[in-house]
Full PDB file with SEQRES, HELIX, SHEET, SSBOND, CRYST1, ORIGX, SCALE, CONECT and MASTER records, all heavy atoms in Angstrom:
SEQRES   1 A   40  ALA ASN CYS THR LYS ALA GLU GLU GLY LYS HIS ARG LYS          
SEQRES   2 A   40  LEU ALA VAL ASN VAL ARG TRP ALA GLN GLN LYS GLU TYR          
SEQRES   3 A   40  VAL ARG MET LYS LEU SER GLU GLU LYS ALA GLY HIS LEU          
SEQRES   4 A   40  TYR                                                          
HELIX    1 AA1 VAL A   18  SER A   32  1                                  15    
HELIX    2 AA2 GLU A   34  LEU A   39  1                                   6    
CRYST1    1.000    1.000    1.000  90.00  90.00  90.00 P 1           1          
ORIGX1      1.000000  0.000000  0.000000        0.00000                         
ORIGX2      0.000000  1.000000  0.000000        0.00000                         
ORIGX3      0.000000  0.000000  1.000000        0.00000                         
SCALE1      1.000000  0.000000  0.000000        0.00000                         
SCALE2      0.000000  1.000000  0.000000        0.00000                         
SCALE3      0.000000  0.000000  1.000000        0.00000                         
ATOM      1  N   ALA A   1      21.733 124.656 162.791  1.00  0.00           N  
ATOM      2  CA  ALA A   1      23.010 125.071 162.652  1.00  0.00           C  
ATOM      3  C   ALA A   1      23.222 126.577 163.026  1.00  0.00           C  
ATOM      4  O   ALA A   1      24.203 126.947 163.553  1.00  0.00           O  
ATOM      5  CB  ALA A   1      23.528 124.850 161.259  1.00  0.00           C  
ATOM      6  N   ASN A   2      22.137 127.319 162.737  1.00  0.00           N  
ATOM      7  CA  ASN A   2      22.175 128.794 162.973  1.00  0.00           C  
ATOM      8  C   ASN A   2      21.723 129.091 164.445  1.00  0.00           C  
ATOM      9  O   ASN A   2      22.030 130.253 164.968  1.00  0.00           O  
ATOM     10  CB  ASN A   2      21.367 129.577 161.941  1.00  0.00           C  
ATOM     11  CG  ASN A   2      21.744 129.511 160.496  1.00  0.00           C  
ATOM     12  OD1 ASN A   2      22.927 129.472 160.290  1.00  0.00           O  
ATOM     13  ND2 ASN A   2      20.908 129.325 159.704  1.00  0.00           N  
ATOM     14  N   CYS A   3      21.037 128.202 165.010  1.00  0.00           N  
ATOM     15  CA  CYS A   3      20.371 128.464 166.176  1.00  0.00           C  
ATOM     16  C   CYS A   3      21.164 128.031 167.448  1.00  0.00           C  
ATOM     17  O   CYS A   3      21.142 128.743 168.584  1.00  0.00           O  
ATOM     18  CB  CYS A   3      19.102 127.917 166.228  1.00  0.00           C  
ATOM     19  SG  CYS A   3      18.053 128.140 167.799  1.00  0.00           S  
ATOM     20  N   THR A   4      21.882 126.769 167.344  1.00  0.00           N  
ATOM     21  CA  THR A   4      22.469 126.352 168.511  1.00  0.00           C  
ATOM     22  C   THR A   4      23.746 125.430 168.149  1.00  0.00           C  
ATOM     23  O   THR A   4      23.825 124.957 167.117  1.00  0.00           O  
ATOM     24  CB  THR A   4      21.544 125.307 169.294  1.00  0.00           C  
ATOM     25  OG1 THR A   4      22.227 124.867 170.521  1.00  0.00           O  
ATOM     26  CG2 THR A   4      21.062 124.254 168.456  1.00  0.00           C  
ATOM     27  N   LYS A   5      24.703 125.302 169.136  1.00  0.00           N  
ATOM     28  CA  LYS A   5      25.886 124.645 168.865  1.00  0.00           C  
ATOM     29  C   LYS A   5      25.678 123.198 169.698  1.00  0.00           C  
ATOM     30  O   LYS A   5      26.724 122.548 169.857  1.00  0.00           O  
ATOM     31  CB  LYS A   5      27.116 125.322 169.307  1.00  0.00           C  
ATOM     32  CG  LYS A   5      27.392 126.497 168.455  1.00  0.00           C  
ATOM     33  CD  LYS A   5      28.709 127.291 168.839  1.00  0.00           C  
ATOM     34  CE  LYS A   5      28.904 128.387 168.009  1.00  0.00           C  
ATOM     35  NZ  LYS A   5      30.088 129.292 168.353  1.00  0.00           N  
ATOM     36  N   ALA A   6      24.586 122.982 170.361  1.00  0.00           N  
ATOM     37  CA  ALA A   6      24.305 121.829 171.095  1.00  0.00           C  
ATOM     38  C   ALA A   6      24.482 120.517 170.264  1.00  0.00           C  
ATOM     39  O   ALA A   6      24.203 120.569 169.024  1.00  0.00           O  
ATOM     40  CB  ALA A   6      23.084 121.870 171.668  1.00  0.00           C  
ATOM     41  N   GLU A   7      25.055 119.409 170.900  1.00  0.00           N  
ATOM     42  CA  GLU A   7      25.179 118.254 170.191  1.00  0.00           C  
ATOM     43  C   GLU A   7      23.678 117.551 169.728  1.00  0.00           C  
ATOM     44  O   GLU A   7      22.736 118.000 170.195  1.00  0.00           O  
ATOM     45  CB  GLU A   7      25.846 117.219 171.101  1.00  0.00           C  
ATOM     46  CG  GLU A   7      27.302 117.636 171.479  1.00  0.00           C  
ATOM     47  CD  GLU A   7      27.885 116.525 172.507  1.00  0.00           C  
ATOM     48  OE1 GLU A   7      27.205 115.580 172.669  1.00  0.00           O  
ATOM     49  OE2 GLU A   7      28.875 116.821 173.132  1.00  0.00           O  
ATOM     50  N   GLU A   8      23.914 116.854 168.644  1.00  0.00           N  
ATOM     51  CA  GLU A   8      22.720 116.174 168.116  1.00  0.00           C  
ATOM     52  C   GLU A   8      22.071 115.382 169.028  1.00  0.00           C  
ATOM     53  O   GLU A   8      22.713 114.638 169.768  1.00  0.00           O  
ATOM     54  CB  GLU A   8      23.168 115.430 166.766  1.00  0.00           C  
ATOM     55  CG  GLU A   8      21.879 114.979 165.882  1.00  0.00           C  
ATOM     56  CD  GLU A   8      21.303 116.246 165.176  1.00  0.00           C  
ATOM     57  OE1 GLU A   8      22.029 117.161 164.800  1.00  0.00           O  
ATOM     58  OE2 GLU A   8      20.196 116.230 165.183  1.00  0.00           O  
ATOM     59  N   GLY A   9      20.738 115.425 169.183  1.00  0.00           N  
ATOM     60  CA  GLY A   9      20.027 114.795 170.154  1.00  0.00           C  
ATOM     61  C   GLY A   9      19.653 115.677 171.431  1.00  0.00           C  
ATOM     62  O   GLY A   9      18.866 115.247 172.220  1.00  0.00           O  
ATOM     63  N   LYS A  10      20.508 116.804 171.633  1.00  0.00           N  
ATOM     64  CA  LYS A  10      20.140 117.681 172.709  1.00  0.00           C  
ATOM     65  C   LYS A  10      19.350 118.794 172.187  1.00  0.00           C  
ATOM     66  O   LYS A  10      19.489 119.245 171.037  1.00  0.00           O  
ATOM     67  CB  LYS A  10      21.486 118.083 173.431  1.00  0.00           C  
ATOM     68  CG  LYS A  10      22.275 116.958 174.159  1.00  0.00           C  
ATOM     69  CD  LYS A  10      23.378 117.578 174.891  1.00  0.00           C  
ATOM     70  CE  LYS A  10      24.147 116.375 175.554  1.00  0.00           C  
ATOM     71  NZ  LYS A  10      25.281 116.781 176.420  1.00  0.00           N  
ATOM     72  N   HIS A  11      18.499 119.358 173.109  1.00  0.00           N  
ATOM     73  CA  HIS A  11      17.705 120.448 172.689  1.00  0.00           C  
ATOM     74  C   HIS A  11      18.334 121.887 173.069  1.00  0.00           C  
ATOM     75  O   HIS A  11      19.071 121.945 174.074  1.00  0.00           O  
ATOM     76  CB  HIS A  11      16.328 120.311 173.255  1.00  0.00           C  
ATOM     77  CG  HIS A  11      15.613 119.004 172.978  1.00  0.00           C  
ATOM     78  ND1 HIS A  11      15.492 118.505 171.624  1.00  0.00           N  
ATOM     79  CD2 HIS A  11      15.131 118.022 173.705  1.00  0.00           C  
ATOM     80  CE1 HIS A  11      14.863 117.452 171.636  1.00  0.00           C  
ATOM     81  NE2 HIS A  11      14.607 117.158 172.957  1.00  0.00           N  
ATOM     82  N   ARG A  12      17.863 122.900 172.286  1.00  0.00           N  
ATOM     83  CA  ARG A  12      18.281 124.138 172.592  1.00  0.00           C  
ATOM     84  C   ARG A  12      17.852 124.715 173.967  1.00  0.00           C  
ATOM     85  O   ARG A  12      16.728 124.551 174.365  1.00  0.00           O  
ATOM     86  CB  ARG A  12      17.644 125.161 171.518  1.00  0.00           C  
ATOM     87  CG  ARG A  12      17.986 126.622 171.684  1.00  0.00           C  
ATOM     88  CD  ARG A  12      19.463 126.959 171.389  1.00  0.00           C  
ATOM     89  NE  ARG A  12      19.698 128.319 171.016  1.00  0.00           N  
ATOM     90  CZ  ARG A  12      20.083 129.294 171.832  1.00  0.00           C  
ATOM     91  NH1 ARG A  12      20.132 129.093 173.124  1.00  0.00           N  
ATOM     92  NH2 ARG A  12      20.224 130.526 171.272  1.00  0.00           N  
ATOM     93  N   LYS A  13      18.912 125.260 174.684  1.00  0.00           N  
ATOM     94  CA  LYS A  13      18.602 125.921 176.026  1.00  0.00           C  
ATOM     95  C   LYS A  13      18.875 127.368 175.982  1.00  0.00           C  
ATOM     96  O   LYS A  13      19.719 127.919 175.226  1.00  0.00           O  
ATOM     97  CB  LYS A  13      19.403 125.295 177.059  1.00  0.00           C  
ATOM     98  CG  LYS A  13      19.080 123.960 177.479  1.00  0.00           C  
ATOM     99  CD  LYS A  13      19.854 123.383 178.732  1.00  0.00           C  
ATOM    100  CE  LYS A  13      19.501 121.936 179.069  1.00  0.00           C  
ATOM    101  NZ  LYS A  13      20.197 121.483 180.212  1.00  0.00           N  
ATOM    102  N   LEU A  14      18.145 128.081 176.769  1.00  0.00           N  
ATOM    103  CA  LEU A  14      18.121 129.502 176.753  1.00  0.00           C  
ATOM    104  C   LEU A  14      18.182 130.046 178.120  1.00  0.00           C  
ATOM    105  O   LEU A  14      17.280 129.759 178.995  1.00  0.00           O  
ATOM    106  CB  LEU A  14      16.911 130.275 176.007  1.00  0.00           C  
ATOM    107  CG  LEU A  14      16.721 131.754 176.194  1.00  0.00           C  
ATOM    108  CD1 LEU A  14      17.971 132.470 175.405  1.00  0.00           C  
ATOM    109  CD2 LEU A  14      15.428 132.080 175.578  1.00  0.00           C  
ATOM    110  N   ALA A  15      19.356 130.713 178.586  1.00  0.00           N  
ATOM    111  CA  ALA A  15      19.533 131.167 179.841  1.00  0.00           C  
ATOM    112  C   ALA A  15      19.257 132.643 179.956  1.00  0.00           C  
ATOM    113  O   ALA A  15      19.886 133.338 179.104  1.00  0.00           O  
ATOM    114  CB  ALA A  15      20.882 130.959 180.388  1.00  0.00           C  
ATOM    115  N   VAL A  16      18.221 133.005 180.679  1.00  0.00           N  
ATOM    116  CA  VAL A  16      17.835 134.541 180.610  1.00  0.00           C  
ATOM    117  C   VAL A  16      18.035 135.140 181.962  1.00  0.00           C  
ATOM    118  O   VAL A  16      17.629 134.588 183.010  1.00  0.00           O  
ATOM    119  CB  VAL A  16      16.254 134.699 180.366  1.00  0.00           C  
ATOM    120  CG1 VAL A  16      15.793 136.125 180.310  1.00  0.00           C  
ATOM    121  CG2 VAL A  16      15.899 134.053 178.993  1.00  0.00           C  
ATOM    122  N   ASN A  17      18.915 136.163 182.042  1.00  0.00           N  
ATOM    123  CA  ASN A  17      19.250 136.898 183.312  1.00  0.00           C  
ATOM    124  C   ASN A  17      18.211 138.075 183.337  1.00  0.00           C  
ATOM    125  O   ASN A  17      18.336 139.161 182.646  1.00  0.00           O  
ATOM    126  CB  ASN A  17      20.624 137.476 183.195  1.00  0.00           C  
ATOM    127  CG  ASN A  17      21.014 138.134 184.528  1.00  0.00           C  
ATOM    128  OD1 ASN A  17      20.222 138.643 185.274  1.00  0.00           O  
ATOM    129  ND2 ASN A  17      22.357 138.129 184.763  1.00  0.00           N  
ATOM    130  N   VAL A  18      17.139 137.841 184.077  1.00  0.00           N  
ATOM    131  CA  VAL A  18      16.018 138.909 184.047  1.00  0.00           C  
ATOM    132  C   VAL A  18      16.527 140.150 184.708  1.00  0.00           C  
ATOM    133  O   VAL A  18      16.120 141.244 183.989  1.00  0.00           O  
ATOM    134  CB  VAL A  18      14.937 138.329 184.993  1.00  0.00           C  
ATOM    135  CG1 VAL A  18      13.710 139.383 185.054  1.00  0.00           C  
ATOM    136  CG2 VAL A  18      14.328 136.970 184.554  1.00  0.00           C  
ATOM    137  N   ARG A  19      17.296 140.303 185.677  1.00  0.00           N  
ATOM    138  CA  ARG A  19      17.682 141.503 186.094  1.00  0.00           C  
ATOM    139  C   ARG A  19      18.724 142.362 185.158  1.00  0.00           C  
ATOM    140  O   ARG A  19      18.527 143.504 185.026  1.00  0.00           O  
ATOM    141  CB  ARG A  19      18.587 141.396 187.487  1.00  0.00           C  
ATOM    142  CG  ARG A  19      18.932 142.641 188.082  1.00  0.00           C  
ATOM    143  CD  ARG A  19      19.555 142.314 189.606  1.00  0.00           C  
ATOM    144  NE  ARG A  19      20.584 141.482 189.587  1.00  0.00           N  
ATOM    145  CZ  ARG A  19      21.059 140.920 190.779  1.00  0.00           C  
ATOM    146  NH1 ARG A  19      20.573 141.297 191.932  1.00  0.00           N  
ATOM    147  NH2 ARG A  19      22.151 140.158 190.673  1.00  0.00           N  
ATOM    148  N   TRP A  20      19.510 141.572 184.439  1.00  0.00           N  
ATOM    149  CA  TRP A  20      20.288 142.261 183.397  1.00  0.00           C  
ATOM    150  C   TRP A  20      19.467 142.667 182.311  1.00  0.00           C  
ATOM    151  O   TRP A  20      19.795 143.812 181.736  1.00  0.00           O  
ATOM    152  CB  TRP A  20      21.393 141.279 182.939  1.00  0.00           C  
ATOM    153  CG  TRP A  20      22.261 141.607 181.884  1.00  0.00           C  
ATOM    154  CD1 TRP A  20      22.307 141.047 180.549  1.00  0.00           C  
ATOM    155  CD2 TRP A  20      23.094 142.761 181.730  1.00  0.00           C  
ATOM    156  NE1 TRP A  20      23.288 141.703 179.915  1.00  0.00           N  
ATOM    157  CE2 TRP A  20      23.768 142.806 180.540  1.00  0.00           C  
ATOM    158  CE3 TRP A  20      23.440 143.747 182.740  1.00  0.00           C  
ATOM    159  CZ2 TRP A  20      24.599 143.699 180.123  1.00  0.00           C  
ATOM    160  CZ3 TRP A  20      24.362 144.862 182.429  1.00  0.00           C  
ATOM    161  CH2 TRP A  20      24.950 144.694 181.117  1.00  0.00           C  
ATOM    162  N   ALA A  21      18.461 142.033 181.864  1.00  0.00           N  
ATOM    163  CA  ALA A  21      17.536 142.423 180.778  1.00  0.00           C  
ATOM    164  C   ALA A  21      16.838 143.711 181.270  1.00  0.00           C  
ATOM    165  O   ALA A  21      16.590 144.660 180.461  1.00  0.00           O  
ATOM    166  CB  ALA A  21      16.512 141.351 180.474  1.00  0.00           C  
ATOM    167  N   GLN A  22      16.377 143.703 182.531  1.00  0.00           N  
ATOM    168  CA  GLN A  22      15.705 144.905 183.066  1.00  0.00           C  
ATOM    169  C   GLN A  22      16.600 146.178 183.097  1.00  0.00           C  
ATOM    170  O   GLN A  22      16.222 147.351 182.742  1.00  0.00           O  
ATOM    171  CB  GLN A  22      15.246 144.681 184.405  1.00  0.00           C  
ATOM    172  CG  GLN A  22      13.944 143.782 184.396  1.00  0.00           C  
ATOM    173  CD  GLN A  22      13.509 143.270 185.860  1.00  0.00           C  
ATOM    174  OE1 GLN A  22      14.218 143.581 186.809  1.00  0.00           O  
ATOM    175  NE2 GLN A  22      12.428 142.715 185.902  1.00  0.00           N  
ATOM    176  N   GLN A  23      17.937 145.901 183.474  1.00  0.00           N  
ATOM    177  CA  GLN A  23      18.888 147.003 183.523  1.00  0.00           C  
ATOM    178  C   GLN A  23      19.171 147.586 182.147  1.00  0.00           C  
ATOM    179  O   GLN A  23      19.260 148.740 181.947  1.00  0.00           O  
ATOM    180  CB  GLN A  23      20.085 146.493 184.142  1.00  0.00           C  
ATOM    181  CG  GLN A  23      20.091 146.230 185.700  1.00  0.00           C  
ATOM    182  CD  GLN A  23      21.241 145.548 186.247  1.00  0.00           C  
ATOM    183  OE1 GLN A  23      22.137 144.992 185.495  1.00  0.00           O  
ATOM    184  NE2 GLN A  23      21.338 145.490 187.620  1.00  0.00           N  
ATOM    185  N   LYS A  24      19.246 146.713 181.169  1.00  0.00           N  
ATOM    186  CA  LYS A  24      19.549 147.194 179.735  1.00  0.00           C  
ATOM    187  C   LYS A  24      18.423 147.857 179.255  1.00  0.00           C  
ATOM    188  O   LYS A  24      18.543 148.978 178.515  1.00  0.00           O  
ATOM    189  CB  LYS A  24      19.809 145.903 178.837  1.00  0.00           C  
ATOM    190  CG  LYS A  24      21.208 145.313 179.145  1.00  0.00           C  
ATOM    191  CD  LYS A  24      21.710 144.381 178.093  1.00  0.00           C  
ATOM    192  CE  LYS A  24      20.697 143.236 177.616  1.00  0.00           C  
ATOM    193  NZ  LYS A  24      21.408 142.457 176.593  1.00  0.00           N  
ATOM    194  N   GLU A  25      17.151 147.510 179.555  1.00  0.00           N  
ATOM    195  CA  GLU A  25      15.933 148.201 179.254  1.00  0.00           C  
ATOM    196  C   GLU A  25      15.843 149.672 179.816  1.00  0.00           C  
ATOM    197  O   GLU A  25      15.533 150.602 179.281  1.00  0.00           O  
ATOM    198  CB  GLU A  25      14.739 147.439 179.544  1.00  0.00           C  
ATOM    199  CG  GLU A  25      13.385 148.136 179.100  1.00  0.00           C  
ATOM    200  CD  GLU A  25      13.230 148.362 177.655  1.00  0.00           C  
ATOM    201  OE1 GLU A  25      13.839 147.543 176.872  1.00  0.00           O  
ATOM    202  OE2 GLU A  25      12.712 149.365 177.268  1.00  0.00           O  
ATOM    203  N   TYR A  26      16.434 149.739 181.116  1.00  0.00           N  
ATOM    204  CA  TYR A  26      16.370 150.890 181.782  1.00  0.00           C  
ATOM    205  C   TYR A  26      17.291 151.947 181.039  1.00  0.00           C  
ATOM    206  O   TYR A  26      17.059 153.060 180.875  1.00  0.00           O  
ATOM    207  CB  TYR A  26      16.964 150.666 183.275  1.00  0.00           C  
ATOM    208  CG  TYR A  26      17.370 151.851 183.959  1.00  0.00           C  
ATOM    209  CD1 TYR A  26      16.594 152.802 184.627  1.00  0.00           C  
ATOM    210  CD2 TYR A  26      18.759 152.261 183.902  1.00  0.00           C  
ATOM    211  CE1 TYR A  26      17.001 153.906 185.226  1.00  0.00           C  
ATOM    212  CE2 TYR A  26      19.293 153.480 184.578  1.00  0.00           C  
ATOM    213  CZ  TYR A  26      18.330 154.214 185.208  1.00  0.00           C  
ATOM    214  OH  TYR A  26      18.964 155.356 185.860  1.00  0.00           O  
ATOM    215  N   VAL A  27      18.515 151.439 180.693  1.00  0.00           N  
ATOM    216  CA  VAL A  27      19.581 152.214 179.991  1.00  0.00           C  
ATOM    217  C   VAL A  27      18.991 152.842 178.647  1.00  0.00           C  
ATOM    218  O   VAL A  27      19.185 153.923 178.255  1.00  0.00           O  
ATOM    219  CB  VAL A  27      20.832 151.432 179.770  1.00  0.00           C  
ATOM    220  CG1 VAL A  27      21.728 152.195 178.870  1.00  0.00           C  
ATOM    221  CG2 VAL A  27      21.536 151.163 181.173  1.00  0.00           C  
ATOM    222  N   ARG A  28      18.388 151.898 177.895  1.00  0.00           N  
ATOM    223  CA  ARG A  28      17.863 152.305 176.603  1.00  0.00           C  
ATOM    224  C   ARG A  28      16.770 153.292 176.808  1.00  0.00           C  
ATOM    225  O   ARG A  28      16.681 154.305 175.912  1.00  0.00           O  
ATOM    226  CB  ARG A  28      17.257 150.903 175.825  1.00  0.00           C  
ATOM    227  CG  ARG A  28      18.300 150.061 175.381  1.00  0.00           C  
ATOM    228  CD  ARG A  28      17.669 149.007 174.391  1.00  0.00           C  
ATOM    229  NE  ARG A  28      16.845 148.034 175.185  1.00  0.00           N  
ATOM    230  CZ  ARG A  28      17.230 146.896 175.533  1.00  0.00           C  
ATOM    231  NH1 ARG A  28      18.358 146.559 175.393  1.00  0.00           N  
ATOM    232  NH2 ARG A  28      16.322 146.192 176.180  1.00  0.00           N  
ATOM    233  N   MET A  29      15.901 153.149 177.821  1.00  0.00           N  
ATOM    234  CA  MET A  29      14.791 154.056 178.074  1.00  0.00           C  
ATOM    235  C   MET A  29      15.372 155.490 178.483  1.00  0.00           C  
ATOM    236  O   MET A  29      14.957 156.488 178.032  1.00  0.00           O  
ATOM    237  CB  MET A  29      13.925 153.477 179.062  1.00  0.00           C  
ATOM    238  CG  MET A  29      12.679 154.524 179.481  1.00  0.00           C  
ATOM    239  SD  MET A  29      11.889 154.003 180.924  1.00  0.00           S  
ATOM    240  CE  MET A  29      13.070 154.335 182.101  1.00  0.00           C  
ATOM    241  N   LYS A  30      16.445 155.326 179.359  1.00  0.00           N  
ATOM    242  CA  LYS A  30      16.919 156.611 179.914  1.00  0.00           C  
ATOM    243  C   LYS A  30      17.687 157.524 178.762  1.00  0.00           C  
ATOM    244  O   LYS A  30      17.397 158.677 178.630  1.00  0.00           O  
ATOM    245  CB  LYS A  30      17.931 156.336 180.923  1.00  0.00           C  
ATOM    246  CG  LYS A  30      17.325 156.311 182.402  1.00  0.00           C  
ATOM    247  CD  LYS A  30      16.857 157.805 182.786  1.00  0.00           C  
ATOM    248  CE  LYS A  30      16.149 157.647 184.064  1.00  0.00           C  
ATOM    249  NZ  LYS A  30      15.480 159.052 184.344  1.00  0.00           N  
ATOM    250  N   LEU A  31      18.395 156.678 178.007  1.00  0.00           N  
ATOM    251  CA  LEU A  31      19.181 157.415 176.988  1.00  0.00           C  
ATOM    252  C   LEU A  31      18.325 157.893 175.752  1.00  0.00           C  
ATOM    253  O   LEU A  31      18.741 158.648 174.878  1.00  0.00           O  
ATOM    254  CB  LEU A  31      20.287 156.548 176.424  1.00  0.00           C  
ATOM    255  CG  LEU A  31      21.409 156.256 177.502  1.00  0.00           C  
ATOM    256  CD1 LEU A  31      22.516 155.417 176.896  1.00  0.00           C  
ATOM    257  CD2 LEU A  31      21.996 157.477 178.078  1.00  0.00           C  
ATOM    258  N   SER A  32      17.117 157.449 175.705  1.00  0.00           N  
ATOM    259  CA  SER A  32      16.194 157.978 174.710  1.00  0.00           C  
ATOM    260  C   SER A  32      15.531 159.320 175.129  1.00  0.00           C  
ATOM    261  O   SER A  32      15.105 159.911 174.273  1.00  0.00           O  
ATOM    262  CB  SER A  32      15.048 156.789 174.517  1.00  0.00           C  
ATOM    263  OG  SER A  32      14.275 156.703 175.648  1.00  0.00           O  
ATOM    264  N   GLU A  33      15.705 159.527 176.480  1.00  0.00           N  
ATOM    265  CA  GLU A  33      15.143 160.920 176.893  1.00  0.00           C  
ATOM    266  C   GLU A  33      16.178 161.905 176.416  1.00  0.00           C  
ATOM    267  O   GLU A  33      17.320 161.789 176.430  1.00  0.00           O  
ATOM    268  CB  GLU A  33      15.069 160.927 178.395  1.00  0.00           C  
ATOM    269  CG  GLU A  33      14.133 159.844 179.004  1.00  0.00           C  
ATOM    270  CD  GLU A  33      14.079 159.820 180.446  1.00  0.00           C  
ATOM    271  OE1 GLU A  33      14.828 160.617 181.050  1.00  0.00           O  
ATOM    272  OE2 GLU A  33      13.347 158.919 181.036  1.00  0.00           O  
ATOM    273  N   GLU A  34      15.555 163.200 176.066  1.00  0.00           N  
ATOM    274  CA  GLU A  34      16.376 164.232 175.624  1.00  0.00           C  
ATOM    275  C   GLU A  34      17.437 164.743 176.605  1.00  0.00           C  
ATOM    276  O   GLU A  34      18.538 164.902 176.131  1.00  0.00           O  
ATOM    277  CB  GLU A  34      15.465 165.409 175.214  1.00  0.00           C  
ATOM    278  CG  GLU A  34      16.115 166.535 174.606  1.00  0.00           C  
ATOM    279  CD  GLU A  34      15.279 167.795 174.146  1.00  0.00           C  
ATOM    280  OE1 GLU A  34      13.975 167.524 174.224  1.00  0.00           O  
ATOM    281  OE2 GLU A  34      15.770 168.732 173.698  1.00  0.00           O  
ATOM    282  N   LYS A  35      17.156 165.010 177.755  1.00  0.00           N  
ATOM    283  CA  LYS A  35      18.106 165.543 178.778  1.00  0.00           C  
ATOM    284  C   LYS A  35      19.129 164.539 179.118  1.00  0.00           C  
ATOM    285  O   LYS A  35      20.357 164.756 178.994  1.00  0.00           O  
ATOM    286  CB  LYS A  35      17.344 165.863 180.124  1.00  0.00           C  
ATOM    287  CG  LYS A  35      18.371 166.400 181.106  1.00  0.00           C  
ATOM    288  CD  LYS A  35      17.475 166.858 182.393  1.00  0.00           C  
ATOM    289  CE  LYS A  35      18.580 167.410 183.442  1.00  0.00           C  
ATOM    290  NZ  LYS A  35      17.824 167.770 184.667  1.00  0.00           N  
ATOM    291  N   ALA A  36      18.795 163.281 179.273  1.00  0.00           N  
ATOM    292  CA  ALA A  36      19.824 162.220 179.545  1.00  0.00           C  
ATOM    293  C   ALA A  36      20.648 161.951 178.334  1.00  0.00           C  
ATOM    294  O   ALA A  36      21.931 161.714 178.612  1.00  0.00           O  
ATOM    295  CB  ALA A  36      19.075 160.912 180.064  1.00  0.00           C  
ATOM    296  N   GLY A  37      20.152 161.907 177.261  1.00  0.00           N  
ATOM    297  CA  GLY A  37      20.875 161.792 175.990  1.00  0.00           C  
ATOM    298  C   GLY A  37      21.890 162.919 175.898  1.00  0.00           C  
ATOM    299  O   GLY A  37      22.951 162.532 175.390  1.00  0.00           O  
ATOM    300  N   HIS A  38      21.479 164.057 176.107  1.00  0.00           N  
ATOM    301  CA  HIS A  38      22.399 165.198 175.949  1.00  0.00           C  
ATOM    302  C   HIS A  38      23.403 165.138 176.977  1.00  0.00           C  
ATOM    303  O   HIS A  38      24.688 165.375 176.574  1.00  0.00           O  
ATOM    304  CB  HIS A  38      21.572 166.465 176.247  1.00  0.00           C  
ATOM    305  CG  HIS A  38      22.466 167.678 176.307  1.00  0.00           C  
ATOM    306  ND1 HIS A  38      23.003 168.166 175.121  1.00  0.00           N  
ATOM    307  CD2 HIS A  38      22.868 168.492 177.286  1.00  0.00           C  
ATOM    308  CE1 HIS A  38      23.835 169.283 175.461  1.00  0.00           C  
ATOM    309  NE2 HIS A  38      23.654 169.534 176.711  1.00  0.00           N  
ATOM    310  N   LEU A  39      23.174 164.610 178.190  1.00  0.00           N  
ATOM    311  CA  LEU A  39      24.230 164.521 179.275  1.00  0.00           C  
ATOM    312  C   LEU A  39      25.311 163.444 178.761  1.00  0.00           C  
ATOM    313  O   LEU A  39      26.518 163.613 178.881  1.00  0.00           O  
ATOM    314  CB  LEU A  39      23.735 164.174 180.548  1.00  0.00           C  
ATOM    315  CG  LEU A  39      23.098 165.279 181.467  1.00  0.00           C  
ATOM    316  CD1 LEU A  39      22.443 164.741 182.720  1.00  0.00           C  
ATOM    317  CD2 LEU A  39      24.308 166.230 181.896  1.00  0.00           C  
ATOM    318  N   TYR A  40      24.770 162.296 178.236  1.00  0.00           N  
ATOM    319  CA  TYR A  40      25.669 161.244 177.849  1.00  0.00           C  
ATOM    320  C   TYR A  40      26.486 161.729 176.692  1.00  0.00           C  
ATOM    321  O   TYR A  40      27.753 161.325 176.690  1.00  0.00           O  
ATOM    322  CB  TYR A  40      24.881 160.010 177.520  1.00  0.00           C  
ATOM    323  CG  TYR A  40      25.784 158.783 177.121  1.00  0.00           C  
ATOM    324  CD1 TYR A  40      26.395 158.148 178.061  1.00  0.00           C  
ATOM    325  CD2 TYR A  40      26.072 158.515 175.710  1.00  0.00           C  
ATOM    326  CE1 TYR A  40      27.190 157.078 177.911  1.00  0.00           C  
ATOM    327  CE2 TYR A  40      26.867 157.332 175.510  1.00  0.00           C  
ATOM    328  CZ  TYR A  40      27.530 156.850 176.515  1.00  0.00           C  
ATOM    329  OH  TYR A  40      28.297 155.727 176.160  1.00  0.00           O  
TER     330      TYR A  40                                                      
MASTER        0    0    0    2    0    0    0    6  329    1    0    4          
END                                                                             
């Protein structure tokens, strides 16, 4: 009930956007830097 809204009998699916995940990681890494964080 907490994990999925799929109908009973169907299994949980997970769609992963690899490029979007890499971009988000890039943003987190950049803004953790002192200079970039100050600019933001």
